Amino acid sequence: MKIPLPPVPLPDAVAELAREYVDGTRTPVEPRQAATVILLAETHDADQSSGGPEIYYLRRQVSMDFAAGMAVFPGGGVDKRDFDAEVAWAGPTPAEWAVRLSCDEDLARALVCAAVRETFEESGVLLAGPAADSDTTVVADTTGDDWEADRVALESRELSLTDFLNRRELELRSDLLGVWDAWLTPIFEPKRYETWFFVAKLPEGQRTRDVSTESSSVAWLRAGTAAAQAESGELAMMPPTYLTSLEIAGFETRDEVLAAAADRTAVMFTPTVEPLGEGFTLSMPDRLRPVLAERRR
């Protein structure tokens, strides 16, 4: 399934619909909060022609009611139990994350918890370590049947992240996450999400597994390769996923990506209607305009 990639010409009817939301004729849908994690692997070959480190992509089931059939990063909506202040935690505090995520402390805690929980649910990768040694150790293997039972229980909401970590005497490792971006679905869409984008490297000793019930297939791809497959129609991507892949393709290693993330704060960006030739398109963050322009040369 090939979808148009930025800059996407908007039908006149969509541009007019957007104006009705802007002028108050229509009321936009209240967005849900969500977190997604750009999971990075070390790339061992020396060929940089494809661009960037490897990223873990999931192709969503075509039956899903949002982003059906699209290649996405692991992630999902914030659950009410992600706000639990009793969650075992190591690394930068929720107050520190609030500054970096440009939100209040309670939401910052929930977003980090959702990022860790959803990554485990959708890839089997757990960003946590033993409570007694949380600053130096990360869980090394999550492939056993007992881990899978816990993952399924988390996915079905039979088990909360707090209870899961406590049972295993683990602490969430917020220091293993970095901030990358934040996108809000356009005002005229019937389903809207405020999504914060995190980055994290695949912990040593862990491996991803094709376990998510929401995906039909998974793949590790260089960021540039994934963008090229989106351009050819081999992969379908929503604009934020495509533009993020293009941006990360400009880095040679995952460590460079993580270093860049250490200096970032997330400012929520909402695409708006802007001119494109004689018609209209949706805007993008200014820092990504030259990245896309270079790609189109």
Protein backbone atom coordinates (compact mmCIF):
# COMPACT_ATOMS: atom_id res chain seq x y z
CA MET A 1 0.00 0.00 0.00
CA LYS A 2 1.61 3.26 -1.12
CA ILE A 3 0.49 6.52 0.40
CA PRO A 4 1.63 10.00 -0.64
CA LEU A 5 4.69 11.28 1.20
CA PRO A 6 5.41 14.87 2.25
CA PRO A 7 4.73 17.35 0.87
CA VAL A 8 1.30 15.80 0.22
CA PRO A 9 -1.12 17.88 -1.90
CA LEU A 10 -4.39 18.26 0.00
CA PRO A 11 -7.73 18.02 -1.79
CA ASP A 12 -9.58 21.32 -1.71
CA ALA A 13 -12.32 19.70 0.38
CA VAL A 14 -9.82 18.73 3.10
CA ALA A 15 -8.31 22.22 3.15
CA GLU A 16 -11.80 23.68 3.52
CA LEU A 17 -12.60 21.19 6.29
CA ALA A 18 -9.47 22.26 8.15
CA ARG A 19 -10.52 25.91 7.89
CA GLU A 20 -13.86 25.07 9.51
CA TYR A 21 -12.04 23.67 12.54
CA VAL A 22 -9.72 26.66 12.72
CA ASP A 23 -12.57 29.21 12.59
CA GLY A 24 -14.62 27.33 15.19
CA THR A 25 -17.36 26.05 12.89
CA ARG A 26 -16.38 22.52 13.90
CA THR A 27 -14.98 21.22 17.19
CA PRO A 28 -11.86 19.04 17.00
CA VAL A 29 -11.71 15.64 18.65
CA GLU A 30 -9.92 15.63 22.00
CA PRO A 31 -6.57 13.83 21.46
CA ARG A 32 -5.28 10.90 23.48
CA GLN A 33 -1.73 10.87 24.81
CA ALA A 34 0.66 8.28 23.42
CA ALA A 35 4.32 7.30 23.43
CA THR A 36 6.39 5.64 20.74
CA VAL A 37 9.98 4.39 20.90
CA ILE A 38 12.51 4.44 18.09
CA LEU A 39 14.45 1.31 19.02
CA LEU A 40 18.01 1.42 17.66
CA ALA A 41 20.41 -1.45 16.98
CA GLU A 42 24.12 -1.34 16.42
CA THR A 43 24.89 -1.68 12.71
CA HIS A 44 27.89 -3.89 12.11
CA ASP A 45 28.49 -3.47 8.38
CA ALA A 46 30.57 -0.54 7.15
CA ASP A 47 28.29 0.39 4.24
CA GLN A 48 26.71 3.77 4.98
CA SER A 49 25.06 4.14 1.58
CA SER A 50 21.64 3.22 2.94
CA GLY A 51 21.94 5.73 5.75
CA GLY A 52 21.76 5.62 9.49
CA PRO A 53 21.50 2.96 12.19
CA GLU A 54 18.97 0.14 12.16
CA ILE A 55 15.49 0.81 13.54
CA TYR A 56 12.83 -1.67 14.60
CA TYR A 57 9.64 -1.28 12.55
CA LEU A 58 6.28 -3.00 12.94
CA ARG A 59 3.73 -3.20 10.16
CA ARG A 60 0.31 -2.69 11.74
CA GLN A 61 -2.51 -5.09 10.99
CA VAL A 62 -4.76 -3.83 8.19
CA SER A 63 -7.71 -4.39 10.53
CA MET A 64 -6.52 -1.71 12.98
CA ASP A 65 -8.67 1.41 13.24
CA PHE A 66 -5.67 3.77 13.26
CA ALA A 67 -2.63 3.66 10.94
CA ALA A 68 -3.84 0.37 9.45
CA GLY A 69 -1.14 -1.35 7.39
CA MET A 70 1.44 1.31 8.23
CA ALA A 71 5.05 0.73 9.27
CA VAL A 72 5.44 2.24 12.74
CA PHE A 73 7.73 2.28 15.76
CA PRO A 74 6.65 0.36 18.88
CA GLY A 75 4.23 2.40 20.95
CA GLY A 76 0.67 3.10 21.94
CA GLY A 77 -1.70 5.05 24.08
CA VAL A 78 -1.10 6.01 27.70
CA ASP A 79 -3.02 3.78 30.12
CA LYS A 80 -4.46 5.25 33.33
CA ARG A 81 -2.22 2.94 35.36
CA ASP A 82 0.84 4.49 33.71
CA PHE A 83 0.23 7.45 36.05
CA ASP A 84 1.02 5.30 39.12
CA ALA A 85 3.45 7.33 41.25
CA GLU A 86 4.54 4.15 43.07
CA VAL A 87 6.20 2.62 40.01
CA ALA A 88 9.78 1.47 40.68
CA TRP A 89 11.96 4.04 38.96
CA ALA A 90 15.65 4.69 38.32
CA GLY A 91 17.23 7.45 36.26
CA PRO A 92 16.09 11.02 35.59
CA THR A 93 13.02 11.84 37.67
CA PRO A 94 9.52 12.56 36.37
CA ALA A 95 10.14 16.23 37.23
CA GLU A 96 13.23 16.22 34.99
CA TRP A 97 11.30 14.47 32.24
CA ALA A 98 8.53 17.06 32.51
CA VAL A 99 11.01 19.73 31.43
CA ARG A 100 12.29 17.65 28.53
CA LEU A 101 8.81 16.60 27.37
CA SER A 102 7.25 20.06 27.87
CA CYS A 103 4.41 18.72 30.01
CA ASP A 104 3.47 18.37 33.67
CA GLU A 105 5.16 15.88 35.98
CA ASP A 106 2.27 13.41 36.19
CA LEU A 107 1.99 13.16 32.42
CA ALA A 108 5.78 12.91 32.07
CA ARG A 109 5.79 9.90 34.42
CA ALA A 110 2.94 8.29 32.48
CA LEU A 111 4.63 8.86 29.12
CA VAL A 112 7.90 7.27 30.24
CA CYS A 113 5.99 4.34 31.74
CA ALA A 114 3.96 3.95 28.54
CA ALA A 115 7.15 4.03 26.46
CA VAL A 116 8.73 1.24 28.53
CA ARG A 117 5.54 -0.81 28.74
CA GLU A 118 4.65 -0.55 25.05
CA THR A 119 8.19 -1.39 23.96
CA PHE A 120 8.05 -4.59 25.99
CA GLU A 121 4.53 -5.42 24.81
CA GLU A 122 5.33 -4.90 21.13
CA SER A 123 8.92 -6.10 20.84
CA GLY A 124 9.78 -8.10 23.96
CA VAL A 125 12.50 -5.56 24.84
CA LEU A 126 12.46 -4.38 28.46
CA LEU A 127 14.13 -1.14 29.55
CA ALA A 128 14.49 -2.12 33.20
CA GLY A 129 17.07 -3.50 35.59
CA PRO A 130 17.41 -5.14 39.03
CA ALA A 131 16.42 -2.74 41.80
CA ALA A 132 19.60 -3.47 43.76
CA ASP A 133 21.85 -2.49 40.86
CA SER A 134 19.68 -0.29 38.68
CA ASP A 135 22.38 2.15 37.59
CA THR A 136 24.56 -0.43 35.88
CA THR A 137 22.51 -3.47 34.95
CA VAL A 138 19.75 -4.04 32.43
CA VAL A 139 17.70 -7.21 32.10
CA ALA A 140 19.68 -9.43 29.74
CA ASP A 141 17.12 -11.93 28.45
CA THR A 142 13.33 -11.72 28.19
CA THR A 143 12.65 -14.67 25.91
CA GLY A 144 11.52 -17.29 28.44
CA ASP A 145 7.95 -18.55 28.78
CA ASP A 146 7.54 -16.74 32.10
CA TRP A 147 8.48 -13.42 30.47
CA GLU A 148 6.06 -14.07 27.64
CA ALA A 149 3.26 -14.75 30.12
CA ASP A 150 3.93 -11.41 31.79
CA ARG A 151 4.09 -9.63 28.44
CA VAL A 152 0.70 -11.03 27.44
CA ALA A 153 -0.75 -10.03 30.81
CA LEU A 154 0.54 -6.49 30.35
CA GLU A 155 -0.84 -6.34 26.84
CA SER A 156 -4.28 -7.49 27.98
CA ARG A 157 -4.17 -5.05 30.96
CA GLU A 158 -4.47 -7.95 33.42
CA LEU A 159 -1.14 -6.79 34.88
CA SER A 160 0.07 -3.26 35.52
CA LEU A 161 3.61 -2.11 34.86
CA THR A 162 4.06 -1.33 38.57
CA ASP A 163 3.03 -4.84 39.67
CA PHE A 164 5.10 -6.43 36.91
CA LEU A 165 8.27 -4.62 37.97
CA ASN A 166 7.65 -5.19 41.70
CA ARG A 167 7.06 -8.91 41.20
CA ARG A 168 10.42 -9.23 39.47
CA GLU A 169 12.24 -6.78 41.77
CA LEU A 170 13.03 -4.53 38.83
CA GLU A 171 13.10 -0.79 38.28
CA LEU A 172 12.17 1.11 35.15
CA ARG A 173 15.34 2.64 33.67
CA SER A 174 14.38 6.10 32.44
CA ASP A 175 18.04 6.82 31.67
CA LEU A 176 17.84 4.35 28.78
CA LEU A 177 15.41 6.64 26.95
CA GLY A 178 16.11 9.83 25.03
CA VAL A 179 13.74 12.52 23.74
CA TRP A 180 13.28 12.90 20.02
CA ASP A 181 10.07 14.64 18.98
CA ALA A 182 6.35 15.20 19.60
CA TRP A 183 3.51 15.24 17.04
CA LEU A 184 -0.18 16.00 17.36
CA THR A 185 -2.56 14.65 14.71
CA PRO A 186 -4.02 17.42 12.48
CA ILE A 187 -7.08 19.23 13.80
CA PHE A 188 -9.47 17.76 11.22
CA GLU A 189 -8.73 14.06 11.81
CA PRO A 190 -11.45 11.93 13.47
CA LYS A 191 -8.86 10.14 15.66
CA ARG A 192 -6.17 12.30 17.22
CA TYR A 193 -3.09 11.53 19.30
CA GLU A 194 -0.50 13.63 21.07
CA THR A 195 2.47 11.34 20.54
CA TRP A 196 5.86 11.79 22.16
CA PHE A 197 8.75 10.13 20.31
CA PHE A 198 11.55 8.56 22.36
CA VAL A 199 14.78 6.85 21.28
CA ALA A 200 16.47 3.89 22.97
CA LYS A 201 19.17 1.42 22.04
CA LEU A 202 18.55 -2.31 22.10
CA PRO A 203 20.02 -3.46 25.44
CA GLU A 204 22.96 -5.83 25.27
CA GLY A 205 21.82 -9.45 25.49
CA GLN A 206 18.20 -8.71 24.59
CA ARG A 207 16.60 -9.38 21.24
CA THR A 208 13.35 -8.37 19.65
CA ARG A 209 10.59 -10.87 19.02
CA ASP A 210 7.63 -10.72 16.66
CA VAL A 211 5.04 -10.83 19.43
CA SER A 212 2.63 -7.91 19.04
CA THR A 213 -0.93 -8.83 18.15
CA GLU A 214 -1.27 -5.42 16.50
CA SER A 215 1.41 -6.08 13.87
CA SER A 216 1.47 -8.39 10.86
CA SER A 217 5.26 -8.34 10.45
CA VAL A 218 8.37 -6.75 11.94
CA ALA A 219 11.81 -5.84 10.57
CA TRP A 220 15.10 -4.23 11.49
CA LEU A 221 15.93 -1.74 8.72
CA ARG A 222 18.43 1.04 8.34
CA ALA A 223 16.59 4.33 8.65
CA GLY A 224 17.49 5.31 5.10
CA THR A 225 16.44 1.93 3.72
CA ALA A 226 13.05 2.22 5.41
CA ALA A 227 12.55 5.72 3.97
CA ALA A 228 13.48 4.45 0.50
CA GLN A 229 11.01 1.58 0.82
CA ALA A 230 8.31 4.07 1.77
CA GLU A 231 9.15 6.12 -1.32
CA SER A 232 8.95 3.05 -3.56
CA GLY A 233 5.68 1.87 -2.04
CA GLU A 234 7.16 -1.24 -0.42
CA LEU A 235 6.33 0.22 3.00
CA ALA A 236 3.47 2.52 3.90
CA MET A 237 4.32 5.22 6.43
CA MET A 238 2.55 8.13 8.00
CA PRO A 239 4.42 11.45 7.53
CA PRO A 240 5.91 11.62 11.08
CA THR A 241 7.39 8.11 10.74
CA TYR A 242 8.79 8.85 7.30
CA LEU A 243 10.26 12.22 8.28
CA THR A 244 11.74 10.77 11.47
CA SER A 245 13.34 7.96 9.47
CA LEU A 246 14.82 10.51 7.06
CA GLU A 247 16.22 12.57 9.91
CA ILE A 248 17.81 9.59 11.67
CA ALA A 249 19.26 8.43 8.35
CA GLY A 250 21.53 11.48 8.59
CA PHE A 251 23.36 9.96 11.58
CA GLU A 252 26.00 7.29 11.07
CA THR A 253 25.57 5.42 14.36
CA ARG A 254 23.01 4.91 17.06
CA ASP A 255 25.34 6.55 19.58
CA GLU A 256 25.22 9.73 17.52
CA VAL A 257 21.42 9.60 17.61
CA LEU A 258 21.41 9.10 21.38
CA ALA A 259 23.88 11.95 21.84
CA ALA A 260 21.63 14.25 19.82
CA ALA A 261 18.61 13.14 21.87
CA ALA A 262 20.37 14.09 25.10
CA ASP A 263 20.19 17.76 24.10
CA ARG A 264 16.58 17.77 22.88
CA THR A 265 13.33 18.89 24.39
CA ALA A 266 10.03 17.92 22.83
CA VAL A 267 7.76 20.68 21.57
CA MET A 268 4.42 19.36 20.35
CA PHE A 269 3.99 20.02 16.63
CA THR A 270 0.59 20.05 14.93
CA PRO A 271 0.60 20.02 11.11
CA THR A 272 -1.46 22.87 9.69
CA VAL A 273 -2.60 23.71 6.18
CA GLU A 274 -0.10 25.77 4.18
CA PRO A 275 0.23 26.73 0.48
CA LEU A 276 1.78 24.31 -2.02
CA GLY A 277 1.93 25.75 -5.52
CA GLU A 278 -1.65 26.61 -6.41
CA GLY A 279 -3.01 24.28 -3.76
CA PHE A 280 -2.32 23.27 -0.19
CA THR A 281 -0.35 20.79 1.90
CA LEU A 282 0.33 20.09 5.58
CA SER A 283 3.21 21.84 7.30
CA MET A 284 6.17 20.11 8.96
CA PRO A 285 8.69 21.18 11.62
CA ASP A 286 11.08 23.75 10.16
CA ARG A 287 14.15 21.69 11.05
CA LEU A 288 12.88 18.89 8.77
CA ARG A 289 12.32 21.06 5.70
CA PRO A 290 15.98 21.00 4.59
CA VAL A 291 16.18 17.25 5.30
CA LEU A 292 13.26 16.64 2.94
CA ALA A 293 14.52 19.16 0.37
CA GLU A 294 17.87 17.36 0.23
CA ARG A 295 16.09 14.05 -0.26
CA ARG A 296 14.06 15.44 -3.16
CA ARG A 297 17.10 16.83 -5.01
